[in-house]
Amino acid sequence: MAVLNDLIFETKIRSTAQALGIEITVVRSLSDIDSTLSRVNPCLLIVDLNTAGADAVSAGNAHVPRPFVVAYVSHVDQALAKQAAEAGADQVMPRSRFTAELPQLLQTYGAPA
């Protein structure tokens, strides 16, 4: 599951997941996270911190079963990265690193479609 509203990153995540045979559900706002978490029960929660902030990380951590939470953010937004780490994200990384590691993250933590 991914929380983001950037269409370029959504396309990148969806196409990478599809190529790997992994199902991905995208939500665009913090208000949709809880209901979607309950419906989908994801193994992996990807959070664009610029879309949903550290509150999305907290929502993922509160869900049972708890997904592996990966948060990404602009490399210049260190305050938001720190908030996500403090909220309990398993990994917090700049967008460039997230893009490079996306296939590995999906293979390791994503569930097959």
Protein backbone atom coordinates (compact mmCIF):
# COMPACT_ATOMS: atom_id res chain seq x y z
CA MET A 1 0.00 0.00 0.00
CA ALA A 2 1.25 3.50 -0.77
CA VAL A 3 0.16 6.92 0.46
CA LEU A 4 0.99 9.61 -2.07
CA ASN A 5 -0.53 12.12 -4.44
CA ASP A 6 2.36 12.53 -6.89
CA LEU A 7 1.25 10.97 -10.19
CA ILE A 8 4.81 10.44 -11.41
CA PHE A 9 5.76 8.45 -8.31
CA GLU A 10 2.44 6.62 -8.36
CA THR A 11 3.14 5.50 -11.93
CA LYS A 12 6.68 4.44 -10.98
CA ILE A 13 5.45 2.45 -7.97
CA ARG A 14 2.55 0.84 -9.86
CA SER A 15 4.66 -0.13 -12.89
CA THR A 16 7.46 -1.55 -10.74
CA ALA A 17 4.99 -3.54 -8.65
CA GLN A 18 3.20 -4.82 -11.75
CA ALA A 19 6.49 -5.93 -13.32
CA LEU A 20 7.26 -7.87 -10.14
CA GLY A 21 3.77 -9.38 -9.87
CA ILE A 22 3.02 -7.48 -6.66
CA GLU A 23 -0.34 -5.89 -5.88
CA ILE A 24 -0.30 -2.24 -4.81
CA THR A 25 -3.11 -0.06 -3.48
CA VAL A 26 -2.66 3.70 -3.53
CA VAL A 27 -4.43 6.19 -1.29
CA ARG A 28 -4.09 9.92 -1.77
CA SER A 29 -4.77 11.32 1.67
CA LEU A 30 -4.33 10.73 5.35
CA SER A 31 -8.09 10.43 5.81
CA ASP A 32 -8.19 7.28 3.66
CA ILE A 33 -5.38 5.40 5.40
CA ASP A 34 -7.20 3.69 8.28
CA SER A 35 -10.07 2.28 6.25
CA THR A 36 -7.74 1.11 3.49
CA LEU A 37 -5.30 -0.48 5.95
CA SER A 38 -8.19 -2.47 7.44
CA ARG A 39 -9.46 -3.54 4.03
CA VAL A 40 -6.10 -4.38 2.42
CA ASN A 41 -3.90 -5.51 5.36
CA PRO A 42 -0.68 -4.67 3.51
CA CYS A 43 2.73 -6.18 4.25
CA LEU A 44 4.36 -2.90 3.18
CA LEU A 45 3.26 0.70 3.68
CA ILE A 46 5.03 3.29 1.54
CA VAL A 47 4.54 6.86 2.74
CA ASP A 48 5.34 10.03 0.81
CA LEU A 49 5.94 12.28 3.80
CA ASN A 50 5.16 15.37 1.75
CA THR A 51 1.66 13.98 1.16
CA ALA A 52 0.68 12.58 4.54
CA GLY A 53 3.48 13.38 6.98
CA ALA A 54 4.45 11.38 10.02
CA ASP A 55 0.78 10.80 10.89
CA ALA A 56 0.65 8.20 8.11
CA VAL A 57 3.61 6.43 9.70
CA SER A 58 1.80 6.41 13.04
CA ALA A 59 -1.33 4.99 11.38
CA GLY A 60 0.71 2.18 9.87
CA ASN A 61 2.35 1.41 13.20
CA ALA A 62 -1.03 1.24 14.94
CA HIS A 63 -2.48 -1.24 12.43
CA VAL A 64 -2.60 -4.94 13.31
CA PRO A 65 -0.95 -6.73 11.65
CA ARG A 66 1.69 -4.03 11.39
CA PRO A 67 3.12 -3.46 7.91
CA PHE A 68 6.78 -2.66 7.27
CA VAL A 69 6.77 1.15 6.94
CA VAL A 70 9.01 2.93 4.44
CA ALA A 71 8.81 6.72 4.30
CA TYR A 72 10.45 8.92 1.71
CA VAL A 73 10.88 12.68 1.49
CA SER A 74 12.82 15.39 -0.30
CA HIS A 75 16.45 15.24 0.81
CA VAL A 76 16.25 18.83 2.03
CA ASP A 77 13.37 18.18 4.43
CA GLN A 78 15.33 16.78 7.35
CA ALA A 79 12.74 17.88 9.94
CA LEU A 80 10.03 15.78 8.31
CA ALA A 81 12.41 12.82 7.99
CA LYS A 82 13.19 13.09 11.70
CA GLN A 83 9.46 13.18 12.56
CA ALA A 84 8.89 10.01 10.55
CA ALA A 85 11.76 8.23 12.28
CA GLU A 86 10.41 9.30 15.66
CA ALA A 87 6.93 8.10 14.64
CA GLY A 88 8.41 4.64 14.08
CA ALA A 89 9.09 4.29 10.34
CA ASP A 90 11.22 1.24 9.67
CA GLN A 91 13.11 3.14 6.99
CA VAL A 92 13.20 6.82 6.13
CA MET A 93 14.99 7.82 2.96
CA PRO A 94 15.32 10.59 0.40
CA ARG A 95 13.27 10.22 -2.79
CA SER A 96 16.34 9.40 -4.87
CA ARG A 97 17.28 6.46 -2.66
CA PHE A 98 13.66 5.30 -2.51
CA THR A 99 13.51 5.27 -6.31
CA ALA A 100 16.73 3.26 -6.53
CA GLU A 101 15.65 0.74 -3.88
CA LEU A 102 11.97 0.42 -4.86
CA PRO A 103 12.27 -2.93 -6.68
CA GLN A 104 14.16 -4.48 -3.76
CA LEU A 105 11.70 -3.07 -1.20
CA LEU A 106 8.74 -4.47 -3.12
CA GLN A 107 10.39 -7.87 -3.56
CA THR A 108 11.34 -8.07 0.11
CA TYR A 109 8.20 -6.72 1.78
CA GLY A 110 5.44 -6.76 -0.84
CA ALA A 111 2.91 -9.55 -1.20
CA PRO A 112 2.43 -11.21 -4.61
CA ALA A 113 -0.72 -10.29 -6.49
